[in-house]
Amino acid sequence: MRCSSCGWIEKRSRKSQAEFSCVSCGFVCNADLNAAINIAAGHAGGTTPRQRVSVREPQPATVEILSFAGEEDVKGSQGASEAVIAAIDT
């Protein structure tokens, strides 16, 4: 846990769920208050956040809906979903 007074990071500073007592400078306060001060100062988590890794495949920017011979309106036809899937597969 990071001390909001001196910045020292030490697990043993957290005496209980509610009490924070810095082993370096002796600063004592409520643990939630100490955490709130650290968050407000931009020290949330105590380390640099990791970069998120995307596991999704790249998605196309737009999908074009094609009409097929004999169909007046793809959106209103019974086979609209099949037409969209066929258009994506091509």
PDB file of N, CA and C in Angstrom:
ATOM      1  N   MET A   1       0.832  -1.171   0.000  1.00  0.00           N
ATOM      2  CA  MET A   1       0.000   0.000   0.000  1.00  0.00           C
ATOM      3  C   MET A   1       0.884   1.245   0.000  1.00  0.00           C
ATOM      4  N   ARG A   2       0.497   2.227  -0.791  1.00  0.00           N
ATOM      5  CA  ARG A   2       1.278   3.461  -0.911  1.00  0.00           C
ATOM      6  C   ARG A   2       0.837   4.472   0.143  1.00  0.00           C
ATOM      7  N   CYS A   3       1.823   5.066   0.823  1.00  0.00           N
ATOM      8  CA  CYS A   3       1.538   6.113   1.791  1.00  0.00           C
ATOM      9  C   CYS A   3       1.221   7.405   1.042  1.00  0.00           C
ATOM     10  N   SER A   4       0.095   8.015   1.351  1.00  0.00           N
ATOM     11  CA  SER A   4      -0.283   9.260   0.672  1.00  0.00           C
ATOM     12  C   SER A   4       0.528  10.444   1.178  1.00  0.00           C
ATOM     13  N   SER A   5       1.261  10.269   2.263  1.00  0.00           N
ATOM     14  CA  SER A   5       2.084  11.344   2.811  1.00  0.00           C
ATOM     15  C   SER A   5       3.497  11.337   2.225  1.00  0.00           C
ATOM     16  N   CYS A   6       4.176  10.183   2.253  1.00  0.00           N
ATOM     17  CA  CYS A   6       5.564  10.133   1.798  1.00  0.00           C
ATOM     18  C   CYS A   6       5.760   9.349   0.498  1.00  0.00           C
ATOM     19  N   GLY A   7       4.744   8.574   0.068  1.00  0.00           N
ATOM     20  CA  GLY A   7       4.841   7.816  -1.182  1.00  0.00           C
ATOM     21  C   GLY A   7       5.452   6.433  -1.029  1.00  0.00           C
ATOM     22  N   TRP A   8       5.855   6.055   0.175  1.00  0.00           N
ATOM     23  CA  TRP A   8       6.466   4.751   0.411  1.00  0.00           C
ATOM     24  C   TRP A   8       5.442   3.640   0.176  1.00  0.00           C
ATOM     25  N   ILE A   9       5.851   2.585  -0.523  1.00  0.00           N
ATOM     26  CA  ILE A   9       4.951   1.467  -0.799  1.00  0.00           C
ATOM     27  C   ILE A   9       5.391   0.268   0.026  1.00  0.00           C
ATOM     28  N   GLU A  10       4.499  -0.201   0.872  1.00  0.00           N
ATOM     29  CA  GLU A  10       4.815  -1.328   1.759  1.00  0.00           C
ATOM     30  C   GLU A  10       3.524  -2.017   2.181  1.00  0.00           C
ATOM     31  N   LYS A  11       3.460  -3.335   1.984  1.00  0.00           N
ATOM     32  CA  LYS A  11       2.262  -4.093   2.369  1.00  0.00           C
ATOM     33  C   LYS A  11       1.996  -4.011   3.864  1.00  0.00           C
ATOM     34  N   ARG A  12       3.040  -4.007   4.649  1.00  0.00           N
ATOM     35  CA  ARG A  12       2.878  -4.031   6.102  1.00  0.00           C
ATOM     36  C   ARG A  12       2.288  -2.734   6.659  1.00  0.00           C
ATOM     37  N   SER A  13       2.153  -1.698   5.841  1.00  0.00           N
ATOM     38  CA  SER A  13       1.570  -0.433   6.304  1.00  0.00           C
ATOM     39  C   SER A  13       0.070  -0.549   6.545  1.00  0.00           C
ATOM     40  N   ARG A  14      -0.544  -1.534   5.936  1.00  0.00           N
ATOM     41  CA  ARG A  14      -1.992  -1.735   6.117  1.00  0.00           C
ATOM     42  C   ARG A  14      -2.180  -2.631   7.338  1.00  0.00           C
ATOM     43  N   LYS A  15      -2.431  -2.016   8.501  1.00  0.00           N
ATOM     44  CA  LYS A  15      -2.547  -2.756   9.759  1.00  0.00           C
ATOM     45  C   LYS A  15      -3.815  -3.605   9.809  1.00  0.00           C
ATOM     46  N   SER A  16      -4.889  -3.109   9.243  1.00  0.00           N
ATOM     47  CA  SER A  16      -6.160  -3.840   9.193  1.00  0.00           C
ATOM     48  C   SER A  16      -6.933  -3.340   7.983  1.00  0.00           C
ATOM     49  N   GLN A  17      -8.154  -3.814   7.835  1.00  0.00           N
ATOM     50  CA  GLN A  17      -8.999  -3.363   6.723  1.00  0.00           C
ATOM     51  C   GLN A  17      -9.235  -1.859   6.788  1.00  0.00           C
ATOM     52  N   ALA A  18      -9.290  -1.302   7.998  1.00  0.00           N
ATOM     53  CA  ALA A  18      -9.640   0.110   8.164  1.00  0.00           C
ATOM     54  C   ALA A  18      -8.461   1.007   8.513  1.00  0.00           C
ATOM     55  N   GLU A  19      -7.332   0.459   8.980  1.00  0.00           N
ATOM     56  CA  GLU A  19      -6.243   1.298   9.489  1.00  0.00           C
ATOM     57  C   GLU A  19      -5.008   1.254   8.604  1.00  0.00           C
ATOM     58  N   PHE A  20      -4.490   2.435   8.272  1.00  0.00           N
ATOM     59  CA  PHE A  20      -3.242   2.568   7.526  1.00  0.00           C
ATOM     60  C   PHE A  20      -2.225   3.251   8.418  1.00  0.00           C
ATOM     61  N   SER A  21      -1.052   2.655   8.539  1.00  0.00           N
ATOM     62  CA  SER A  21       0.027   3.231   9.340  1.00  0.00           C
ATOM     63  C   SER A  21       1.333   3.003   8.586  1.00  0.00           C
ATOM     64  N   CYS A  22       1.905   4.073   8.025  1.00  0.00           N
ATOM     65  CA  CYS A  22       3.110   3.962   7.207  1.00  0.00           C
ATOM     66  C   CYS A  22       4.298   3.502   8.057  1.00  0.00           C
ATOM     67  N   VAL A  23       4.990   2.461   7.601  1.00  0.00           N
ATOM     68  CA  VAL A  23       6.160   1.954   8.323  1.00  0.00           C
ATOM     69  C   VAL A  23       7.375   2.835   8.083  1.00  0.00           C
ATOM     70  N   SER A  24       7.316   3.726   7.101  1.00  0.00           N
ATOM     71  CA  SER A  24       8.445   4.591   6.796  1.00  0.00           C
ATOM     72  C   SER A  24       8.382   5.923   7.547  1.00  0.00           C
ATOM     73  N   CYS A  25       7.255   6.654   7.397  1.00  0.00           N
ATOM     74  CA  CYS A  25       7.177   7.995   7.998  1.00  0.00           C
ATOM     75  C   CYS A  25       6.292   8.053   9.236  1.00  0.00           C
ATOM     76  N   GLY A  26       5.519   6.997   9.507  1.00  0.00           N
ATOM     77  CA  GLY A  26       4.663   6.972  10.683  1.00  0.00           C
ATOM     78  C   GLY A  26       3.297   7.609  10.492  1.00  0.00           C
ATOM     79  N   PHE A  27       2.973   8.042   9.289  1.00  0.00           N
ATOM     80  CA  PHE A  27       1.672   8.646   8.998  1.00  0.00           C
ATOM     81  C   PHE A  27       0.568   7.630   9.277  1.00  0.00           C
ATOM     82  N   VAL A  28      -0.476   8.040   9.997  1.00  0.00           N
ATOM     83  CA  VAL A  28      -1.587   7.160  10.361  1.00  0.00           C
ATOM     84  C   VAL A  28      -2.898   7.815   9.929  1.00  0.00           C
ATOM     85  N   CYS A  29      -3.752   7.025   9.265  1.00  0.00           N
ATOM     86  CA  CYS A  29      -5.086   7.506   8.898  1.00  0.00           C
ATOM     87  C   CYS A  29      -5.953   6.311   8.542  1.00  0.00           C
ATOM     88  N   ASN A  30      -7.204   6.586   8.225  1.00  0.00           N
ATOM     89  CA  ASN A  30      -8.120   5.552   7.757  1.00  0.00           C
ATOM     90  C   ASN A  30      -7.621   5.069   6.398  1.00  0.00           C
ATOM     91  N   ALA A  31      -7.627   3.748   6.181  1.00  0.00           N
ATOM     92  CA  ALA A  31      -7.111   3.173   4.940  1.00  0.00           C
ATOM     93  C   ALA A  31      -7.882   3.651   3.709  1.00  0.00           C
ATOM     94  N   ASP A  32      -9.193   3.827   3.832  1.00  0.00           N
ATOM     95  CA  ASP A  32      -9.991   4.324   2.706  1.00  0.00           C
ATOM     96  C   ASP A  32      -9.635   5.758   2.359  1.00  0.00           C
ATOM     97  N   LEU A  33      -9.369   6.571   3.374  1.00  0.00           N
ATOM     98  CA  LEU A  33      -8.961   7.957   3.144  1.00  0.00           C
ATOM     99  C   LEU A  33      -7.597   7.989   2.450  1.00  0.00           C
ATOM    100  N   ASN A  34      -6.671   7.150   2.909  1.00  0.00           N
ATOM    101  CA  ASN A  34      -5.349   7.074   2.286  1.00  0.00           C
ATOM    102  C   ASN A  34      -5.475   6.681   0.813  1.00  0.00           C
ATOM    103  N   ALA A  35      -6.337   5.688   0.526  1.00  0.00           N
ATOM    104  CA  ALA A  35      -6.552   5.250  -0.857  1.00  0.00           C
ATOM    105  C   ALA A  35      -7.173   6.363  -1.693  1.00  0.00           C
ATOM    106  N   ALA A  36      -8.139   7.088  -1.142  1.00  0.00           N
ATOM    107  CA  ALA A  36      -8.791   8.184  -1.873  1.00  0.00           C
ATOM    108  C   ALA A  36      -7.794   9.288  -2.219  1.00  0.00           C
ATOM    109  N   ILE A  37      -6.904   9.592  -1.291  1.00  0.00           N
ATOM    110  CA  ILE A  37      -5.880  10.614  -1.546  1.00  0.00           C
ATOM    111  C   ILE A  37      -4.946  10.150  -2.657  1.00  0.00           C
ATOM    112  N   ASN A  38      -4.554   8.874  -2.617  1.00  0.00           N
ATOM    113  CA  ASN A  38      -3.680   8.330  -3.666  1.00  0.00           C
ATOM    114  C   ASN A  38      -4.353   8.334  -5.026  1.00  0.00           C
ATOM    115  N   ILE A  39      -5.630   7.974  -5.072  1.00  0.00           N
ATOM    116  CA  ILE A  39      -6.364   7.977  -6.343  1.00  0.00           C
ATOM    117  C   ILE A  39      -6.463   9.395  -6.891  1.00  0.00           C
ATOM    118  N   ALA A  40      -6.771  10.364  -6.030  1.00  0.00           N
ATOM    119  CA  ALA A  40      -6.882  11.763  -6.456  1.00  0.00           C
ATOM    120  C   ALA A  40      -5.543  12.290  -6.973  1.00  0.00           C
ATOM    121  N   ALA A  41      -4.438  11.761  -6.436  1.00  0.00           N
ATOM    122  CA  ALA A  41      -3.106  12.196  -6.857  1.00  0.00           C
ATOM    123  C   ALA A  41      -2.629  11.444  -8.104  1.00  0.00           C
ATOM    124  N   GLY A  42      -3.443  10.500  -8.594  1.00  0.00           N
ATOM    125  CA  GLY A  42      -3.076   9.756  -9.792  1.00  0.00           C
ATOM    126  C   GLY A  42      -2.223   8.537  -9.520  1.00  0.00           C
ATOM    127  N   HIS A  43      -2.219   8.055  -8.290  1.00  0.00           N
ATOM    128  CA  HIS A  43      -1.413   6.892  -7.928  1.00  0.00           C
ATOM    129  C   HIS A  43      -2.259   5.638  -7.772  1.00  0.00           C
ATOM    130  N   ALA A  44      -3.369   5.537  -8.467  1.00  0.00           N
ATOM    131  CA  ALA A  44      -4.262   4.375  -8.332  1.00  0.00           C
ATOM    132  C   ALA A  44      -3.537   3.106  -8.754  1.00  0.00           C
ATOM    133  N   GLY A  45      -3.583   2.090  -7.934  1.00  0.00           N
ATOM    134  CA  GLY A  45      -2.987   0.801  -8.260  1.00  0.00           C
ATOM    135  C   GLY A  45      -1.514   0.696  -7.930  1.00  0.00           C
ATOM    136  N   GLY A  46      -0.816   1.806  -7.842  1.00  0.00           N
ATOM    137  CA  GLY A  46       0.580   1.778  -7.465  1.00  0.00           C
ATOM    138  C   GLY A  46       1.538   1.411  -8.577  1.00  0.00           C
ATOM    139  N   THR A  47       1.042   1.000  -9.745  1.00  0.00           N
ATOM    140  CA  THR A  47       1.916   0.645 -10.853  1.00  0.00           C
ATOM    141  C   THR A  47       1.347   1.230 -12.135  1.00  0.00           C
ATOM    142  N   THR A  48       2.130   1.172 -13.169  1.00  0.00           N
ATOM    143  CA  THR A  48       1.667   1.634 -14.471  1.00  0.00           C
ATOM    144  C   THR A  48       0.670   0.625 -15.028  1.00  0.00           C
ATOM    145  N   PRO A  49      -0.494   1.062 -15.518  1.00  0.00           N
ATOM    146  CA  PRO A  49      -1.472   0.115 -16.045  1.00  0.00           C
ATOM    147  C   PRO A  49      -0.926  -0.630 -17.263  1.00  0.00           C
ATOM    148  N   ARG A  50      -1.302  -1.909 -17.381  1.00  0.00           N
ATOM    149  CA  ARG A  50      -0.873  -2.715 -18.517  1.00  0.00           C
ATOM    150  C   ARG A  50      -1.676  -2.340 -19.746  1.00  0.00           C
ATOM    151  N   GLN A  51      -1.061  -2.517 -20.903  1.00  0.00           N
ATOM    152  CA  GLN A  51      -1.764  -2.297 -22.161  1.00  0.00           C
ATOM    153  C   GLN A  51      -2.735  -3.445 -22.377  1.00  0.00           C
ATOM    154  N   ARG A  52      -3.945  -3.142 -22.795  1.00  0.00           N
ATOM    155  CA  ARG A  52      -4.930  -4.186 -23.073  1.00  0.00           C
ATOM    156  C   ARG A  52      -4.613  -4.824 -24.417  1.00  0.00           C
ATOM    157  N   VAL A  53      -4.708  -6.127 -24.463  1.00  0.00           N
ATOM    158  CA  VAL A  53      -4.450  -6.864 -25.681  1.00  0.00           C
ATOM    159  C   VAL A  53      -5.788  -7.236 -26.310  1.00  0.00           C
ATOM    160  N   SER A  54      -5.927  -6.911 -27.572  1.00  0.00           N
ATOM    161  CA  SER A  54      -7.161  -7.235 -28.276  1.00  0.00           C
ATOM    162  C   SER A  54      -7.071  -8.655 -28.824  1.00  0.00           C
ATOM    163  N   VAL A  55      -8.090  -9.463 -28.561  1.00  0.00           N
ATOM    164  CA  VAL A  55      -8.122 -10.821 -29.068  1.00  0.00           C
ATOM    165  C   VAL A  55      -9.114 -10.960 -30.221  1.00  0.00           C
ATOM    166  N   ARG A  56      -9.751  -9.856 -30.573  1.00  0.00           N
ATOM    167  CA  ARG A  56     -10.708  -9.881 -31.678  1.00  0.00           C
ATOM    168  C   ARG A  56      -9.988  -9.728 -33.008  1.00  0.00           C
ATOM    169  N   GLU A  57     -10.557 -10.356 -34.026  1.00  0.00           N
ATOM    170  CA  GLU A  57     -10.046 -10.150 -35.375  1.00  0.00           C
ATOM    171  C   GLU A  57     -10.425  -8.741 -35.825  1.00  0.00           C
ATOM    172  N   PRO A  58      -9.619  -8.136 -36.679  1.00  0.00           N
ATOM    173  CA  PRO A  58      -9.995  -6.819 -37.204  1.00  0.00           C
ATOM    174  C   PRO A  58     -11.335  -6.888 -37.911  1.00  0.00           C
ATOM    175  N   GLN A  59     -12.183  -5.899 -37.689  1.00  0.00           N
ATOM    176  CA  GLN A  59     -13.515  -5.867 -38.286  1.00  0.00           C
ATOM    177  C   GLN A  59     -13.518  -4.906 -39.468  1.00  0.00           C
ATOM    178  N   PRO A  60     -14.277  -5.234 -40.513  1.00  0.00           N
ATOM    179  CA  PRO A  60     -14.348  -4.307 -41.646  1.00  0.00           C
ATOM    180  C   PRO A  60     -15.021  -3.005 -41.213  1.00  0.00           C
ATOM    181  N   ALA A  61     -14.608  -1.925 -41.833  1.00  0.00           N
ATOM    182  CA  ALA A  61     -15.158  -0.618 -41.486  1.00  0.00           C
ATOM    183  C   ALA A  61     -16.643  -0.545 -41.836  1.00  0.00           C
ATOM    184  N   THR A  62     -17.036  -1.070 -42.984  1.00  0.00           N
ATOM    185  CA  THR A  62     -18.441  -1.075 -43.388  1.00  0.00           C
ATOM    186  C   THR A  62     -18.762  -2.391 -44.076  1.00  0.00           C
ATOM    187  N   VAL A  63     -20.011  -2.749 -44.050  1.00  0.00           N
ATOM    188  CA  VAL A  63     -20.477  -3.943 -44.756  1.00  0.00           C
ATOM    189  C   VAL A  63     -21.483  -3.478 -45.791  1.00  0.00           C
ATOM    190  N   GLU A  64     -21.258  -3.859 -47.017  1.00  0.00           N
ATOM    191  CA  GLU A  64     -22.133  -3.443 -48.104  1.00  0.00           C
ATOM    192  C   GLU A  64     -23.190  -4.516 -48.341  1.00  0.00           C
ATOM    193  N   ILE A  65     -24.452  -4.124 -48.429  1.00  0.00           N
ATOM    194  CA  ILE A  65     -25.531  -5.060 -48.711  1.00  0.00           C
ATOM    195  C   ILE A  65     -25.817  -5.010 -50.203  1.00  0.00           C
ATOM    196  N   LEU A  66     -25.661  -6.144 -50.818  1.00  0.00           N
ATOM    197  CA  LEU A  66     -25.854  -6.223 -52.261  1.00  0.00           C
ATOM    198  C   LEU A  66     -27.237  -6.779 -52.560  1.00  0.00           C
ATOM    199  N   SER A  67     -27.847  -6.274 -53.619  1.00  0.00           N
ATOM    200  CA  SER A  67     -29.123  -6.843 -54.042  1.00  0.00           C
ATOM    201  C   SER A  67     -28.836  -7.861 -55.144  1.00  0.00           C
ATOM    202  N   PHE A  68     -29.672  -8.869 -55.213  1.00  0.00           N
ATOM    203  CA  PHE A  68     -29.470  -9.935 -56.184  1.00  0.00           C
ATOM    204  C   PHE A  68     -30.573  -9.878 -57.228  1.00  0.00           C
ATOM    205  N   ALA A  69     -30.290 -10.431 -58.381  1.00  0.00           N
ATOM    206  CA  ALA A  69     -31.268 -10.442 -59.480  1.00  0.00           C
ATOM    207  C   ALA A  69     -32.561 -11.102 -59.017  1.00  0.00           C
ATOM    208  N   GLY A  70     -33.672 -10.458 -59.268  1.00  0.00           N
ATOM    209  CA  GLY A  70     -34.964 -11.016 -58.904  1.00  0.00           C
ATOM    210  C   GLY A  70     -35.461 -10.523 -57.559  1.00  0.00           C
ATOM    211  N   GLU A  71     -34.639  -9.895 -56.771  1.00  0.00           N
ATOM    212  CA  GLU A  71     -35.076  -9.357 -55.484  1.00  0.00           C
ATOM    213  C   GLU A  71     -35.154  -7.841 -55.593  1.00  0.00           C
ATOM    214  N   GLU A  72     -36.335  -7.293 -55.311  1.00  0.00           N
ATOM    215  CA  GLU A  72     -36.498  -5.851 -55.407  1.00  0.00           C
ATOM    216  C   GLU A  72     -35.888  -5.141 -54.215  1.00  0.00           C
ATOM    217  N   ASP A  73     -36.103  -5.676 -53.033  1.00  0.00           N
ATOM    218  CA  ASP A  73     -35.618  -5.023 -51.821  1.00  0.00           C
ATOM    219  C   ASP A  73     -35.053  -6.093 -50.886  1.00  0.00           C
ATOM    220  N   VAL A  74     -33.772  -6.116 -50.720  1.00  0.00           N
ATOM    221  CA  VAL A  74     -33.130  -7.136 -49.883  1.00  0.00           C
ATOM    222  C   VAL A  74     -33.592  -7.003 -48.433  1.00  0.00           C
ATOM    223  N   LYS A  75     -33.722  -5.791 -47.943  1.00  0.00           N
ATOM    224  CA  LYS A  75     -34.100  -5.573 -46.550  1.00  0.00           C
ATOM    225  C   LYS A  75     -35.486  -6.133 -46.236  1.00  0.00           C
ATOM    226  N   GLY A  76     -36.407  -6.032 -47.191  1.00  0.00           N
ATOM    227  CA  GLY A  76     -37.766  -6.461 -46.931  1.00  0.00           C
ATOM    228  C   GLY A  76     -38.050  -7.898 -47.335  1.00  0.00           C
ATOM    229  N   SER A  77     -37.084  -8.573 -47.930  1.00  0.00           N
ATOM    230  CA  SER A  77     -37.350  -9.932 -48.404  1.00  0.00           C
ATOM    231  C   SER A  77     -37.237 -10.945 -47.283  1.00  0.00           C
ATOM    232  N   GLN A  78     -37.818 -12.119 -47.507  1.00  0.00           N
ATOM    233  CA  GLN A  78     -37.775 -13.209 -46.540  1.00  0.00           C
ATOM    234  C   GLN A  78     -36.347 -13.669 -46.303  1.00  0.00           C
ATOM    235  N   GLY A  79     -35.513 -13.663 -47.318  1.00  0.00           N
ATOM    236  CA  GLY A  79     -34.158 -14.179 -47.212  1.00  0.00           C
ATOM    237  C   GLY A  79     -33.116 -13.091 -46.969  1.00  0.00           C
ATOM    238  N   ALA A  80     -33.481 -12.036 -46.267  1.00  0.00           N
ATOM    239  CA  ALA A  80     -32.556 -10.925 -46.052  1.00  0.00           C
ATOM    240  C   ALA A  80     -31.304 -11.357 -45.318  1.00  0.00           C
ATOM    241  N   SER A  81     -31.467 -12.147 -44.278  1.00  0.00           N
ATOM    242  CA  SER A  81     -30.278 -12.552 -43.513  1.00  0.00           C
ATOM    243  C   SER A  81     -29.375 -13.433 -44.365  1.00  0.00           C
ATOM    244  N   GLU A  82     -29.948 -14.314 -45.204  1.00  0.00           N
ATOM    245  CA  GLU A  82     -29.137 -15.138 -46.065  1.00  0.00           C
ATOM    246  C   GLU A  82     -28.393 -14.286 -47.094  1.00  0.00           C
ATOM    247  N   ALA A  83     -29.075 -13.236 -47.600  1.00  0.00           N
ATOM    248  CA  ALA A  83     -28.441 -12.351 -48.576  1.00  0.00           C
ATOM    249  C   ALA A  83     -27.297 -11.588 -47.951  1.00  0.00           C
ATOM    250  N   VAL A  84     -27.448 -11.154 -46.706  1.00  0.00           N
ATOM    251  CA  VAL A  84     -26.383 -10.428 -46.019  1.00  0.00           C
ATOM    252  C   VAL A  84     -25.197 -11.362 -45.795  1.00  0.00           C
ATOM    253  N   ILE A  85     -25.461 -12.577 -45.346  1.00  0.00           N
ATOM    254  CA  ILE A  85     -24.384 -13.546 -45.103  1.00  0.00           C
ATOM    255  C   ILE A  85     -23.656 -13.859 -46.397  1.00  0.00           C
ATOM    256  N   ALA A  86     -24.408 -14.019 -47.481  1.00  0.00           N
ATOM    257  CA  ALA A  86     -23.788 -14.294 -48.771  1.00  0.00           C
ATOM    258  C   ALA A  86     -22.938 -13.114 -49.215  1.00  0.00           C
ATOM    259  N   ALA A  87     -23.385 -11.894 -48.949  1.00  0.00           N
ATOM    260  CA  ALA A  87     -22.635 -10.707 -49.343  1.00  0.00           C
ATOM    261  C   ALA A  87     -21.348 -10.600 -48.534  1.00  0.00           C
ATOM    262  N   ILE A  88     -21.394 -10.973 -47.279  1.00  0.00           N
ATOM    263  CA  ILE A  88     -20.207 -10.911 -46.430  1.00  0.00           C
ATOM    264  C   ILE A  88     -19.194 -11.969 -46.843  1.00  0.00           C
ATOM    265  N   ASP A  89     -19.669 -13.144 -47.227  1.00  0.00           N
ATOM    266  CA  ASP A  89     -18.792 -14.248 -47.609  1.00  0.00           C
ATOM    267  C   ASP A  89     -18.048 -13.994 -48.903  1.00  0.00           C
ATOM    268  N   THR A  90     -18.530 -13.072 -49.740  1.00  0.00           N
ATOM    269  CA  THR A  90     -17.888 -12.837 -51.032  1.00  0.00           C
ATOM    270  C   THR A  90     -16.743 -11.889 -50.925  1.00  0.00           C
TER     271      THR A  90
END
